N, C-alpha and C. Protein backbone atom coordinates (compact mmCIF):
# COMPACT_ATOMS: atom_id res chain seq x y z
N UNK A 1 71.21 -29.16 59.22
CA UNK A 1 72.13 -28.65 58.23
C UNK A 1 73.45 -29.40 58.33
N UNK A 2 73.72 -30.20 57.36
CA UNK A 2 74.95 -30.96 57.38
C UNK A 2 76.00 -30.29 56.51
N UNK A 3 77.19 -30.21 57.04
CA UNK A 3 78.29 -29.69 56.24
C UNK A 3 78.89 -30.87 55.51
N UNK A 4 78.97 -30.74 54.21
CA UNK A 4 79.53 -31.82 53.39
C UNK A 4 80.66 -31.26 52.56
N UNK A 5 81.53 -32.16 52.14
CA UNK A 5 82.58 -31.75 51.23
C UNK A 5 83.71 -30.97 51.88
N UNK A 6 83.87 -31.08 53.20
CA UNK A 6 85.00 -30.40 53.81
C UNK A 6 86.20 -31.31 53.73
N UNK A 7 87.32 -30.73 53.44
CA UNK A 7 88.55 -31.50 53.34
C UNK A 7 89.48 -31.07 54.46
N UNK A 8 90.02 -32.03 55.14
CA UNK A 8 90.99 -31.73 56.17
C UNK A 8 92.37 -31.85 55.53
N UNK A 9 92.99 -30.74 55.26
CA UNK A 9 94.31 -30.74 54.68
C UNK A 9 95.30 -30.57 55.81
N UNK A 10 96.07 -31.60 56.06
CA UNK A 10 97.06 -31.52 57.13
C UNK A 10 98.20 -30.62 56.69
N UNK A 11 98.37 -29.54 57.43
CA UNK A 11 99.44 -28.61 57.13
C UNK A 11 100.72 -29.10 57.78
N UNK A 12 101.85 -28.78 57.20
CA UNK A 12 103.12 -29.17 57.82
C UNK A 12 103.24 -28.56 59.21
N UNK A 13 103.99 -29.22 60.06
CA UNK A 13 104.19 -28.72 61.41
C UNK A 13 105.23 -27.60 61.44
N UNK A 14 105.99 -27.49 60.38
CA UNK A 14 107.06 -26.50 60.36
C UNK A 14 106.97 -25.66 59.09
N UNK A 15 107.27 -24.41 59.20
CA UNK A 15 107.25 -23.51 58.05
C UNK A 15 108.46 -23.75 57.17
N UNK A 16 108.29 -23.62 55.85
CA UNK A 16 109.46 -23.72 54.98
C UNK A 16 110.41 -22.54 55.20
N UNK A 17 109.98 -21.54 55.92
CA UNK A 17 110.81 -20.36 56.17
C UNK A 17 111.34 -20.32 57.60
N UNK A 18 111.20 -21.42 58.33
CA UNK A 18 111.60 -21.44 59.74
C UNK A 18 113.09 -21.64 59.96
N UNK A 19 113.82 -21.87 58.89
CA UNK A 19 115.25 -22.10 59.05
C UNK A 19 115.61 -23.57 59.13
N UNK A 20 114.59 -24.42 59.13
CA UNK A 20 114.81 -25.86 59.13
C UNK A 20 114.22 -26.42 57.85
N UNK A 21 114.82 -27.46 57.29
CA UNK A 21 114.27 -28.03 56.06
C UNK A 21 112.89 -28.63 56.30
N UNK A 22 112.00 -28.39 55.37
CA UNK A 22 110.66 -28.96 55.43
C UNK A 22 110.71 -30.36 54.80
N UNK A 23 109.98 -31.28 55.38
CA UNK A 23 109.95 -32.65 54.85
C UNK A 23 109.27 -32.67 53.49
N UNK A 24 109.67 -33.61 52.67
CA UNK A 24 109.14 -33.72 51.30
C UNK A 24 107.62 -33.85 51.29
N UNK A 25 107.08 -34.72 52.13
CA UNK A 25 105.62 -34.93 52.16
C UNK A 25 104.91 -33.65 52.58
N UNK A 26 105.46 -32.94 53.56
CA UNK A 26 104.87 -31.67 53.99
C UNK A 26 104.93 -30.64 52.88
N UNK A 27 106.04 -30.59 52.16
CA UNK A 27 106.18 -29.65 51.05
C UNK A 27 105.16 -29.96 49.95
N UNK A 28 104.93 -31.24 49.69
CA UNK A 28 103.96 -31.62 48.67
C UNK A 28 102.54 -31.23 49.08
N UNK A 29 102.19 -31.43 50.37
CA UNK A 29 100.86 -31.03 50.84
C UNK A 29 100.67 -29.52 50.74
N UNK A 30 101.67 -28.78 51.20
CA UNK A 30 101.60 -27.32 51.16
C UNK A 30 101.53 -26.82 49.72
N UNK A 31 102.30 -27.41 48.83
CA UNK A 31 102.27 -27.02 47.43
C UNK A 31 100.88 -27.25 46.83
N UNK A 32 100.24 -28.34 47.20
CA UNK A 32 98.89 -28.61 46.70
C UNK A 32 97.90 -27.54 47.13
N UNK A 33 98.00 -27.10 48.38
CA UNK A 33 97.12 -26.04 48.87
C UNK A 33 97.43 -24.73 48.17
N UNK A 34 98.71 -24.43 48.01
CA UNK A 34 99.10 -23.18 47.35
C UNK A 34 98.69 -23.16 45.88
N UNK A 35 98.64 -24.33 45.25
CA UNK A 35 98.16 -24.40 43.86
C UNK A 35 96.70 -23.97 43.77
N UNK A 36 95.93 -24.27 44.81
CA UNK A 36 94.53 -23.85 44.83
C UNK A 36 94.44 -22.33 44.84
N UNK A 37 95.38 -21.68 45.49
CA UNK A 37 95.42 -20.21 45.52
C UNK A 37 95.91 -19.63 44.20
N UNK A 38 96.70 -20.39 43.47
CA UNK A 38 97.44 -19.86 42.32
C UNK A 38 96.60 -19.74 41.06
N UNK A 39 95.41 -19.27 41.19
CA UNK A 39 94.53 -19.07 40.04
C UNK A 39 93.71 -17.81 40.29
N UNK A 40 93.69 -16.88 39.35
CA UNK A 40 92.95 -15.63 39.57
C UNK A 40 91.47 -15.84 39.87
N UNK A 41 90.83 -16.80 39.21
CA UNK A 41 89.41 -17.04 39.46
C UNK A 41 89.18 -17.53 40.88
N UNK A 42 90.07 -18.41 41.36
CA UNK A 42 89.91 -18.93 42.72
C UNK A 42 90.20 -17.85 43.77
N UNK A 43 91.16 -16.99 43.50
CA UNK A 43 91.41 -15.87 44.41
C UNK A 43 90.18 -14.97 44.48
N UNK A 44 89.57 -14.72 43.33
CA UNK A 44 88.35 -13.90 43.31
C UNK A 44 87.21 -14.60 44.03
N UNK A 45 87.10 -15.91 43.85
CA UNK A 45 86.06 -16.66 44.56
C UNK A 45 86.21 -16.52 46.07
N UNK A 46 87.43 -16.69 46.56
CA UNK A 46 87.67 -16.52 48.00
C UNK A 46 87.25 -15.13 48.45
N UNK A 47 87.60 -14.13 47.66
CA UNK A 47 87.27 -12.74 47.99
C UNK A 47 85.76 -12.52 47.96
N UNK A 48 85.09 -13.03 46.95
CA UNK A 48 83.63 -12.87 46.84
C UNK A 48 82.90 -13.58 47.97
N UNK A 49 83.35 -14.76 48.33
CA UNK A 49 82.71 -15.49 49.42
C UNK A 49 82.89 -14.74 50.73
N UNK A 50 84.09 -14.27 50.97
CA UNK A 50 84.37 -13.55 52.21
C UNK A 50 83.55 -12.27 52.30
N UNK A 51 83.35 -11.59 51.17
CA UNK A 51 82.64 -10.31 51.15
C UNK A 51 81.12 -10.47 51.12
N UNK A 52 80.64 -11.68 50.87
CA UNK A 52 79.20 -11.92 50.76
C UNK A 52 78.50 -11.73 52.10
N UNK A 53 77.21 -11.37 52.05
CA UNK A 53 76.45 -11.29 53.30
C UNK A 53 76.52 -12.63 54.03
N UNK A 54 76.69 -12.58 55.32
CA UNK A 54 76.79 -13.79 56.15
C UNK A 54 78.08 -14.57 55.88
N UNK A 55 78.95 -14.06 54.99
CA UNK A 55 80.21 -14.74 54.70
C UNK A 55 80.06 -16.05 53.96
N UNK A 56 78.97 -16.19 53.20
CA UNK A 56 78.75 -17.41 52.43
C UNK A 56 78.05 -17.08 51.13
N UNK A 57 78.24 -17.96 50.15
CA UNK A 57 77.64 -17.73 48.84
C UNK A 57 77.37 -19.06 48.15
N UNK A 58 76.40 -19.04 47.24
CA UNK A 58 76.10 -20.23 46.43
C UNK A 58 76.72 -20.03 45.05
N UNK A 59 76.74 -21.08 44.27
CA UNK A 59 77.29 -20.99 42.92
C UNK A 59 76.57 -19.91 42.12
N UNK A 60 75.26 -19.82 42.29
CA UNK A 60 74.50 -18.82 41.52
C UNK A 60 74.89 -17.40 41.92
N UNK A 61 75.34 -17.20 43.16
CA UNK A 61 75.80 -15.88 43.58
C UNK A 61 77.14 -15.52 42.96
N UNK A 62 77.89 -16.52 42.51
CA UNK A 62 79.27 -16.32 42.11
C UNK A 62 79.51 -16.31 40.61
N UNK A 63 78.58 -16.84 39.83
CA UNK A 63 78.83 -16.94 38.38
C UNK A 63 78.86 -15.58 37.69
N UNK A 64 77.90 -14.71 37.97
CA UNK A 64 77.85 -13.40 37.29
C UNK A 64 79.06 -12.52 37.61
N UNK A 65 79.45 -12.37 38.88
CA UNK A 65 80.61 -11.51 39.15
C UNK A 65 81.90 -12.00 38.49
N UNK A 66 82.02 -13.31 38.30
CA UNK A 66 83.22 -13.85 37.67
C UNK A 66 83.11 -13.92 36.15
N UNK A 67 81.89 -13.79 35.64
CA UNK A 67 81.64 -13.93 34.21
C UNK A 67 82.14 -15.29 33.70
N UNK A 68 81.87 -16.31 34.52
CA UNK A 68 82.23 -17.68 34.16
C UNK A 68 80.97 -18.53 34.21
N UNK A 69 81.00 -19.67 33.51
CA UNK A 69 79.85 -20.56 33.51
C UNK A 69 79.72 -21.27 34.86
N UNK A 70 78.52 -21.77 35.13
CA UNK A 70 78.28 -22.49 36.37
C UNK A 70 79.19 -23.71 36.52
N UNK A 71 79.40 -24.52 35.46
CA UNK A 71 80.31 -25.66 35.62
C UNK A 71 81.75 -25.23 35.95
N UNK A 72 82.20 -24.13 35.38
CA UNK A 72 83.56 -23.65 35.66
C UNK A 72 83.67 -23.17 37.10
N UNK A 73 82.68 -22.43 37.57
CA UNK A 73 82.69 -21.96 38.96
C UNK A 73 82.64 -23.17 39.90
N UNK A 74 81.81 -24.14 39.60
CA UNK A 74 81.72 -25.35 40.43
C UNK A 74 83.05 -26.08 40.48
N UNK A 75 83.74 -26.14 39.36
CA UNK A 75 85.06 -26.78 39.30
C UNK A 75 86.04 -26.07 40.25
N UNK A 76 86.09 -24.75 40.18
CA UNK A 76 86.99 -23.99 41.05
C UNK A 76 86.60 -24.15 42.52
N UNK A 77 85.31 -24.17 42.82
CA UNK A 77 84.85 -24.36 44.19
C UNK A 77 85.25 -25.74 44.71
N UNK A 78 85.18 -26.73 43.85
CA UNK A 78 85.59 -28.09 44.25
C UNK A 78 87.07 -28.11 44.61
N UNK A 79 87.90 -27.46 43.81
CA UNK A 79 89.34 -27.42 44.09
C UNK A 79 89.61 -26.73 45.43
N UNK A 80 88.94 -25.62 45.67
CA UNK A 80 89.12 -24.90 46.94
C UNK A 80 88.63 -25.72 48.12
N UNK A 81 87.53 -26.47 47.91
CA UNK A 81 87.00 -27.33 48.98
C UNK A 81 87.96 -28.48 49.27
N UNK A 82 88.47 -29.12 48.23
CA UNK A 82 89.40 -30.24 48.42
C UNK A 82 90.69 -29.78 49.09
N UNK A 83 91.09 -28.52 48.86
CA UNK A 83 92.29 -27.98 49.49
C UNK A 83 92.03 -27.60 50.95
N UNK A 84 90.75 -27.63 51.37
CA UNK A 84 90.41 -27.30 52.74
C UNK A 84 90.29 -25.81 53.01
N UNK A 85 90.24 -25.00 51.94
CA UNK A 85 90.17 -23.55 52.10
C UNK A 85 88.75 -23.03 52.28
N UNK A 86 87.79 -23.77 51.74
CA UNK A 86 86.38 -23.43 51.93
C UNK A 86 85.64 -24.71 52.32
N UNK A 87 84.46 -24.53 52.88
CA UNK A 87 83.61 -25.68 53.17
C UNK A 87 82.26 -25.47 52.51
N UNK A 88 81.61 -26.58 52.25
CA UNK A 88 80.34 -26.60 51.52
C UNK A 88 79.26 -27.11 52.45
N UNK A 89 78.16 -26.39 52.49
CA UNK A 89 77.01 -26.82 53.28
C UNK A 89 75.81 -26.95 52.36
N UNK A 90 75.23 -28.13 52.34
CA UNK A 90 74.07 -28.41 51.49
C UNK A 90 72.81 -28.07 52.27
N UNK A 91 71.95 -27.23 51.66
CA UNK A 91 70.64 -26.88 52.25
C UNK A 91 69.59 -27.09 51.16
N UNK A 92 68.87 -28.16 51.28
CA UNK A 92 67.89 -28.48 50.24
C UNK A 92 68.62 -28.76 48.93
N UNK A 93 68.25 -28.03 47.88
CA UNK A 93 68.88 -28.23 46.57
C UNK A 93 70.08 -27.30 46.38
N UNK A 94 70.30 -26.39 47.30
CA UNK A 94 71.38 -25.41 47.19
C UNK A 94 72.57 -25.79 48.05
N UNK A 95 73.75 -25.44 47.58
CA UNK A 95 74.98 -25.61 48.37
C UNK A 95 75.55 -24.22 48.60
N UNK A 96 75.97 -23.97 49.82
CA UNK A 96 76.57 -22.69 50.18
C UNK A 96 78.02 -22.92 50.61
N UNK A 97 78.87 -21.99 50.24
CA UNK A 97 80.30 -22.10 50.50
C UNK A 97 80.73 -20.98 51.42
N UNK A 98 81.64 -21.32 52.34
CA UNK A 98 82.21 -20.31 53.22
C UNK A 98 83.69 -20.62 53.45
N UNK A 99 84.43 -19.57 53.77
CA UNK A 99 85.86 -19.68 54.03
C UNK A 99 86.09 -20.48 55.32
N UNK A 100 87.19 -21.21 55.35
CA UNK A 100 87.64 -21.88 56.57
C UNK A 100 88.77 -21.01 57.13
N UNK A 101 88.44 -20.13 58.08
CA UNK A 101 89.45 -19.18 58.57
C UNK A 101 90.72 -19.84 59.10
N UNK A 102 90.58 -20.97 59.77
CA UNK A 102 91.76 -21.64 60.33
C UNK A 102 92.71 -22.11 59.23
N UNK A 103 92.19 -22.51 58.08
CA UNK A 103 93.04 -22.95 56.97
C UNK A 103 93.81 -21.77 56.40
N UNK A 104 93.13 -20.64 56.23
CA UNK A 104 93.80 -19.45 55.70
C UNK A 104 94.86 -18.98 56.70
N UNK A 105 94.53 -18.99 57.99
CA UNK A 105 95.48 -18.56 59.02
C UNK A 105 96.69 -19.49 59.07
N UNK A 106 96.46 -20.79 58.91
CA UNK A 106 97.58 -21.75 58.93
C UNK A 106 98.54 -21.49 57.80
N UNK A 107 98.02 -21.17 56.62
CA UNK A 107 98.89 -20.86 55.49
C UNK A 107 99.67 -19.58 55.75
N UNK A 108 98.99 -18.57 56.26
CA UNK A 108 99.66 -17.31 56.58
C UNK A 108 100.78 -17.55 57.59
N UNK A 109 100.51 -18.35 58.61
CA UNK A 109 101.53 -18.65 59.61
C UNK A 109 102.72 -19.37 59.01
N UNK A 110 102.44 -20.33 58.14
CA UNK A 110 103.53 -21.09 57.52
C UNK A 110 104.41 -20.23 56.62
N UNK A 111 103.83 -19.21 56.03
CA UNK A 111 104.58 -18.38 55.09
C UNK A 111 105.14 -17.11 55.72
N UNK A 112 104.94 -16.95 57.02
CA UNK A 112 105.48 -15.80 57.73
C UNK A 112 106.77 -16.23 58.42
N UNK A 113 107.89 -15.66 58.00
CA UNK A 113 109.15 -16.06 58.65
C UNK A 113 109.11 -15.71 60.13
N UNK A 114 109.67 -16.57 60.96
CA UNK A 114 109.69 -16.27 62.39
C UNK A 114 110.60 -15.07 62.65
N UNK A 115 110.26 -14.33 63.69
CA UNK A 115 111.11 -13.20 64.05
C UNK A 115 112.38 -13.74 64.68
N UNK A 116 113.47 -13.15 64.26
CA UNK A 116 114.74 -13.58 64.83
C UNK A 116 114.93 -12.93 66.19
N UNK A 117 115.39 -13.73 67.10
CA UNK A 117 115.67 -13.20 68.43
C UNK A 117 117.01 -12.47 68.37
N UNK A 118 117.11 -11.39 69.11
CA UNK A 118 118.39 -10.68 69.13
C UNK A 118 119.46 -11.58 69.74
N UNK A 119 120.61 -11.57 69.13
CA UNK A 119 121.71 -12.38 69.65
C UNK A 119 122.45 -11.60 70.71
N UNK A 120 122.93 -12.30 71.70
CA UNK A 120 123.70 -11.67 72.75
C UNK A 120 125.11 -11.42 72.24
N UNK A 121 125.55 -10.21 72.44
CA UNK A 121 126.92 -9.87 72.02
C UNK A 121 127.86 -10.13 73.21
N UNK A 122 128.92 -10.77 72.89
CA UNK A 122 129.92 -11.01 73.93
C UNK A 122 131.05 -10.02 73.76
N UNK A 123 131.57 -9.55 74.87
CA UNK A 123 132.67 -8.58 74.80
C UNK A 123 133.95 -9.22 75.24
């Protein structure tokens, strides 16, 4: 079983909310990944894949719940795969998709502001 179509999206090393400016290239990469999230159909796809038995689904499993055509679902799956949010595994004539937990966690970490340390008060 070969996993194909996985994209390694390099996430920025620093959060845009860390109090330090994020580099332009890092901001562009992060924006590209966030654009993949910024579509209701793709959000539903992520949810459907995560909720599926075994945590994976094929295009045929996803078209009816979304009420979208197979080419449209495939298009959205390609965008999510290229963003590194899901991975595709080809088995015979079927392709199965599953969430990449580390990619979702990396985005959550980047968008979670760091906790501020209490400052020492001087008297």
